[in-house]
Amino acid sequence: MATWGPLTYYCAFTLLVIAYLLGSIPSAVWIGKKFYGIDIREHGSKNAGTTNMLRVLGKRAALPVFVIDYFKGFAGVMLTWLLSFDPAVSEAWLINMRIIATGAVVLGHIFPIFAGFRGGKGVATLLGAGTAIFPPILLMCFGFWCLVFAVSHYVSLASMVAGCCYPILVMIFSIMPTNPSTALESIPFIVFSWIVAILLIWTHRKNIGRLRDGTESKIYLWLKPTGEDGQKPAPMPANSKTLSQLIYDEYHYAREDVNNQK
């Protein structure tokens, strides 16, 4: 970084500003107002994100919000690739700039300049940004998520396992002698991955308690549990629901909330 000139600093700063502005695109707010006539921040959990859109307006409204939030995070971080054309920017600093851009784009989502600095939690945006930092690691984490979810049917458990795998995989890739991506030899990247894992565990602390007590809800995407004879479905546990039931319940109760507030 000591060899950076004024133009390099200017380009890096400009890319971070663009990342923040991309993150500030309030997809949930704009879609809610344009197509449904409501400000999503006034309903449900009052969060301008995918989950609250699903609860209040349903999956047809939530899907485009997730797609937009994911790709604005991905694009905000991928823009730093332009710095690779500057010989003064090392491979390690390209990774560092991706991490800093991740902070900028997520900050834009949480405090959007285009929506009065009232945004969402930035989960989908962080997911897109994490993909842009180093896609193979995130894809492997997603594989662990699918495996744990398929076996346990607990979304929270799958998310925590995948989150804990993230820093471990980053450390493994960073020390692989045959790894062609020398950019992974970055202490900031390793620190960043551990911060993500710790924050994920912290935000799931209530789920950990329910898992320990056996009261955490399960989600079955396709098949319900079968009985011992292998033919008739066994009664589902009281704390278990299919995905469609969860979506319907959340949508139904939140819709009543919206109608009562009008």
Protein backbone atom coordinates (compact mmCIF):
# COMPACT_ATOMS: atom_id res chain seq x y z
CA MET A 1 0.00 0.00 0.00
CA ALA A 2 3.01 2.26 0.51
CA THR A 3 3.55 2.26 -3.26
CA TRP A 4 0.03 3.46 -4.00
CA GLY A 5 -0.18 6.77 -5.81
CA PRO A 6 -2.94 9.40 -5.66
CA LEU A 7 -4.77 7.83 -8.61
CA THR A 8 -4.83 4.39 -6.92
CA TYR A 9 -6.23 5.89 -3.72
CA TYR A 10 -8.82 7.79 -5.74
CA CYS A 11 -9.93 4.67 -7.62
CA ALA A 12 -10.11 2.58 -4.44
CA PHE A 13 -12.15 5.24 -2.64
CA THR A 14 -14.48 5.66 -5.63
CA LEU A 15 -15.12 1.90 -5.82
CA LEU A 16 -15.99 1.83 -2.11
CA VAL A 17 -18.44 4.71 -2.58
CA ILE A 18 -20.05 2.87 -5.50
CA ALA A 19 -20.28 -0.28 -3.34
CA TYR A 20 -22.07 1.72 -0.65
CA LEU A 21 -24.47 3.23 -3.20
CA LEU A 22 -25.23 -0.23 -4.62
CA GLY A 23 -25.92 -1.48 -1.12
CA SER A 24 -28.22 1.49 -0.58
CA ILE A 25 -30.66 0.30 -3.25
CA PRO A 26 -33.70 -0.39 -1.00
CA SER A 27 -35.30 -3.15 -3.03
CA ALA A 28 -37.75 -4.17 -0.30
CA VAL A 29 -38.89 -0.59 0.26
CA TRP A 30 -39.28 0.23 -3.43
CA ILE A 31 -41.06 -3.02 -4.33
CA GLY A 32 -43.38 -2.71 -1.32
CA LYS A 33 -44.37 0.85 -2.21
CA LYS A 34 -44.57 0.39 -5.98
CA PHE A 35 -46.49 -2.88 -6.21
CA TYR A 36 -48.23 -3.23 -2.83
CA GLY A 37 -48.71 0.33 -1.66
CA ILE A 38 -47.06 -0.15 1.74
CA ASP A 39 -43.77 0.70 3.40
CA ILE A 40 -42.44 -2.69 4.53
CA ARG A 41 -40.60 -0.95 7.37
CA GLU A 42 -43.95 -0.21 9.01
CA HIS A 43 -45.13 -3.83 9.12
CA GLY A 44 -44.07 -7.17 10.54
CA SER A 45 -40.59 -6.99 12.04
CA LYS A 46 -40.16 -3.55 10.40
CA ASN A 47 -37.08 -4.89 8.63
CA ALA A 48 -36.52 -4.04 4.96
CA GLY A 49 -35.33 -7.47 3.95
CA THR A 50 -36.30 -10.78 2.37
CA THR A 51 -37.64 -12.48 5.50
CA ASN A 52 -40.00 -9.66 6.42
CA MET A 53 -41.21 -9.41 2.82
CA LEU A 54 -41.98 -13.14 2.95
CA ARG A 55 -43.88 -12.76 6.20
CA VAL A 56 -45.89 -9.72 5.18
CA LEU A 57 -46.36 -9.95 1.41
CA GLY A 58 -45.49 -13.54 0.49
CA LYS A 59 -42.88 -15.30 -1.61
CA ARG A 60 -43.74 -13.51 -4.86
CA ALA A 61 -42.61 -10.28 -3.23
CA ALA A 62 -39.72 -11.82 -1.29
CA LEU A 63 -38.00 -13.58 -4.21
CA PRO A 64 -37.10 -10.47 -6.25
CA VAL A 65 -35.95 -8.74 -3.06
CA PHE A 66 -33.57 -11.60 -2.30
CA VAL A 67 -32.24 -11.68 -5.87
CA ILE A 68 -31.62 -7.93 -5.98
CA ASP A 69 -30.02 -7.82 -2.52
CA TYR A 70 -27.81 -10.80 -3.31
CA PHE A 71 -26.54 -9.42 -6.60
CA LYS A 72 -25.98 -5.89 -5.33
CA GLY A 73 -23.68 -7.40 -2.69
CA PHE A 74 -21.96 -9.53 -5.32
CA ALA A 75 -21.55 -6.61 -7.73
CA GLY A 76 -20.37 -4.20 -5.04
CA VAL A 77 -17.48 -6.50 -4.15
CA MET A 78 -16.66 -7.66 -7.69
CA LEU A 79 -16.09 -4.04 -8.73
CA THR A 80 -12.80 -4.14 -6.81
CA TRP A 81 -11.55 -6.50 -9.54
CA LEU A 82 -10.89 -3.35 -11.56
CA LEU A 83 -7.99 -2.60 -9.23
CA SER A 84 -6.18 -5.67 -10.58
CA PHE A 85 -5.23 -3.57 -13.61
CA ASP A 86 -3.18 -1.32 -11.33
CA PRO A 87 0.31 -2.84 -10.83
CA ALA A 88 0.61 -1.03 -7.50
CA VAL A 89 -2.20 -3.17 -6.01
CA SER A 90 -0.92 -6.55 -4.80
CA GLU A 91 -2.93 -9.78 -4.74
CA ALA A 92 -3.21 -9.57 -0.96
CA TRP A 93 -4.59 -6.05 -1.19
CA LEU A 94 -7.17 -7.14 -3.74
CA ILE A 95 -8.56 -9.52 -1.12
CA ASN A 96 -8.36 -6.77 1.52
CA MET A 97 -10.27 -4.41 -0.76
CA ARG A 98 -12.95 -7.06 -1.28
CA ILE A 99 -13.35 -7.35 2.48
CA ILE A 100 -13.56 -3.56 2.88
CA ALA A 101 -16.05 -3.40 -0.02
CA THR A 102 -18.12 -6.05 1.75
CA GLY A 103 -18.36 -3.74 4.74
CA ALA A 104 -19.30 -0.81 2.46
CA VAL A 105 -22.05 -2.63 0.58
CA VAL A 106 -23.56 -4.17 3.74
CA LEU A 107 -23.39 -0.78 5.46
CA GLY A 108 -25.29 0.66 2.51
CA HIS A 109 -28.00 -1.97 2.91
CA ILE A 110 -28.36 -1.34 6.64
CA PHE A 111 -28.18 2.47 6.31
CA PRO A 112 -29.39 3.21 2.75
CA ILE A 113 -28.97 6.79 1.63
CA PHE A 114 -31.91 6.34 -0.77
CA ALA A 115 -34.34 5.31 1.99
CA GLY A 116 -33.68 7.64 4.92
CA PHE A 117 -30.89 5.43 6.33
CA ARG A 118 -33.45 2.82 7.45
CA GLY A 119 -32.70 -0.50 5.80
CA GLY A 120 -32.48 -4.20 6.56
CA LYS A 121 -30.08 -6.56 8.31
CA GLY A 122 -27.97 -7.27 5.22
CA VAL A 123 -28.02 -11.08 5.27
CA ALA A 124 -28.71 -11.59 1.55
CA THR A 125 -26.30 -8.78 0.66
CA LEU A 126 -23.59 -10.33 2.84
CA LEU A 127 -24.18 -13.67 1.14
CA GLY A 128 -23.64 -12.13 -2.28
CA ALA A 129 -20.56 -10.25 -1.09
CA GLY A 130 -19.12 -13.43 0.44
CA THR A 131 -19.56 -15.23 -2.87
CA ALA A 132 -17.56 -12.52 -4.62
CA ILE A 133 -14.66 -12.72 -2.14
CA PHE A 134 -13.92 -16.36 -2.95
CA PRO A 135 -16.76 -18.44 -4.49
CA PRO A 136 -15.35 -21.99 -3.94
CA ILE A 137 -15.33 -21.59 -0.16
CA LEU A 138 -18.89 -20.29 -0.03
CA LEU A 139 -20.09 -23.07 -2.32
CA MET A 140 -18.50 -25.67 -0.03
CA CYS A 141 -20.18 -24.04 2.97
CA PHE A 142 -23.48 -24.25 1.11
CA GLY A 143 -22.79 -27.94 0.54
CA PHE A 144 -22.34 -28.45 4.29
CA TRP A 145 -25.56 -26.49 4.86
CA CYS A 146 -27.49 -28.78 2.50
CA LEU A 147 -26.04 -31.92 4.08
CA VAL A 148 -26.84 -30.91 7.67
CA PHE A 149 -30.30 -29.67 6.72
CA ALA A 150 -31.10 -32.87 4.77
CA VAL A 151 -30.18 -34.98 7.83
CA SER A 152 -31.55 -32.83 10.66
CA HIS A 153 -34.22 -30.63 9.00
CA TYR A 154 -33.05 -27.78 11.22
CA VAL A 155 -32.31 -24.59 9.26
CA SER A 156 -30.65 -22.96 12.27
CA LEU A 157 -28.32 -25.91 12.89
CA ALA A 158 -27.39 -26.08 9.21
CA SER A 159 -26.64 -22.35 9.16
CA MET A 160 -24.42 -22.54 12.24
CA VAL A 161 -22.48 -25.55 10.95
CA ALA A 162 -21.94 -23.86 7.58
CA GLY A 163 -20.86 -20.65 9.33
CA CYS A 164 -18.35 -22.51 11.51
CA CYS A 165 -16.95 -24.28 8.44
CA TYR A 166 -16.27 -20.92 6.77
CA PRO A 167 -13.17 -19.84 8.78
CA ILE A 168 -11.83 -23.40 8.81
CA LEU A 169 -12.01 -23.61 5.03
CA VAL A 170 -10.45 -20.16 4.69
CA MET A 171 -7.50 -21.25 6.84
CA ILE A 172 -7.12 -24.52 4.90
CA PHE A 173 -7.09 -22.72 1.57
CA SER A 174 -4.70 -20.08 2.86
CA ILE A 175 -2.00 -22.63 3.71
CA MET A 176 -2.38 -24.97 0.73
CA PRO A 177 1.02 -24.92 -1.05
CA THR A 178 -0.55 -25.81 -4.40
CA ASN A 179 -3.29 -23.22 -4.11
CA PRO A 180 -3.06 -20.91 -7.15
CA SER A 181 -4.91 -18.11 -5.36
CA THR A 182 -2.15 -16.50 -3.34
CA ALA A 183 -4.67 -13.80 -2.43
CA LEU A 184 -5.98 -16.13 0.25
CA GLU A 185 -2.71 -15.68 2.18
CA SER A 186 -4.35 -12.75 3.94
CA ILE A 187 -4.62 -12.35 7.70
CA PRO A 188 -7.49 -9.84 7.32
CA PHE A 189 -9.44 -12.44 5.34
CA ILE A 190 -8.91 -15.05 8.07
CA VAL A 191 -9.93 -12.56 10.78
CA PHE A 192 -12.97 -11.57 8.73
CA SER A 193 -14.07 -15.21 8.38
CA TRP A 194 -13.85 -15.78 12.14
CA ILE A 195 -15.84 -12.62 12.84
CA VAL A 196 -18.57 -13.85 10.48
CA ALA A 197 -18.68 -17.24 12.24
CA ILE A 198 -18.82 -15.71 15.73
CA LEU A 199 -21.54 -13.26 14.76
CA LEU A 200 -23.55 -16.10 13.21
CA ILE A 201 -23.38 -18.13 16.41
CA TRP A 202 -24.29 -15.04 18.47
CA THR A 203 -27.36 -14.25 16.37
CA HIS A 204 -28.51 -17.89 16.72
CA ARG A 205 -28.12 -18.05 20.51
CA LYS A 206 -31.89 -18.43 21.03
CA ASN A 207 -32.00 -21.21 18.45
CA ILE A 208 -29.19 -23.00 20.34
CA GLY A 209 -31.35 -22.94 23.46
CA ARG A 210 -34.32 -24.38 21.58
CA LEU A 211 -32.14 -27.05 19.99
CA ARG A 212 -30.87 -28.03 23.43
CA ASP A 213 -34.43 -28.18 24.80
CA GLY A 214 -35.76 -30.04 21.77
CA THR A 215 -38.26 -27.31 20.89
CA GLU A 216 -36.69 -26.01 17.68
CA SER A 217 -39.02 -26.32 14.66
CA LYS A 218 -38.08 -28.65 11.82
CA ILE A 219 -38.77 -27.92 8.15
CA TYR A 220 -39.52 -30.65 5.61
CA LEU A 221 -39.13 -29.41 2.04
CA TRP A 222 -40.55 -32.43 0.24
CA LEU A 223 -41.38 -35.51 2.32
CA LYS A 224 -42.85 -35.89 5.76
CA PRO A 225 -41.44 -38.55 8.12
CA THR A 226 -42.77 -42.07 7.44
CA GLY A 227 -44.04 -44.48 10.03
CA GLU A 228 -42.34 -47.68 11.11
CA ASP A 229 -44.14 -49.67 8.42
CA GLY A 230 -42.56 -47.42 5.80
CA GLN A 231 -45.94 -46.75 4.17
CA LYS A 232 -48.08 -44.36 6.17
CA PRO A 233 -46.70 -41.01 7.20
CA ALA A 234 -46.11 -40.77 10.91
CA PRO A 235 -47.74 -37.89 12.77
CA MET A 236 -45.44 -34.90 12.59
CA PRO A 237 -44.06 -33.64 15.91
CA ALA A 238 -45.87 -30.66 17.35
CA ASN A 239 -42.84 -28.46 16.81
CA SER A 240 -42.39 -29.49 13.15
CA LYS A 241 -43.91 -27.94 10.02
CA THR A 242 -43.45 -28.22 6.31
CA LEU A 243 -42.00 -25.24 4.48
CA SER A 244 -45.36 -24.46 2.87
CA GLN A 245 -47.06 -24.47 6.29
CA LEU A 246 -44.48 -22.08 7.71
CA ILE A 247 -44.84 -19.71 4.76
CA TYR A 248 -48.63 -19.85 4.96
CA ASP A 249 -48.72 -19.23 8.72
CA GLU A 250 -46.29 -16.31 8.57
CA TYR A 251 -48.06 -14.79 5.58
CA HIS A 252 -51.54 -15.24 7.07
CA TYR A 253 -50.78 -13.69 10.46
CA ALA A 254 -48.70 -10.86 9.01
CA ARG A 255 -51.41 -10.10 6.45
CA GLU A 256 -53.93 -9.75 9.27
CA ASP A 257 -51.51 -7.34 10.94
CA VAL A 258 -51.35 -5.20 7.79
CA ASN A 259 -55.12 -5.14 7.41
CA ASN A 260 -55.63 -4.20 11.06
CA GLN A 261 -53.17 -1.30 10.77
CA LYS A 262 -54.81 0.16 7.65
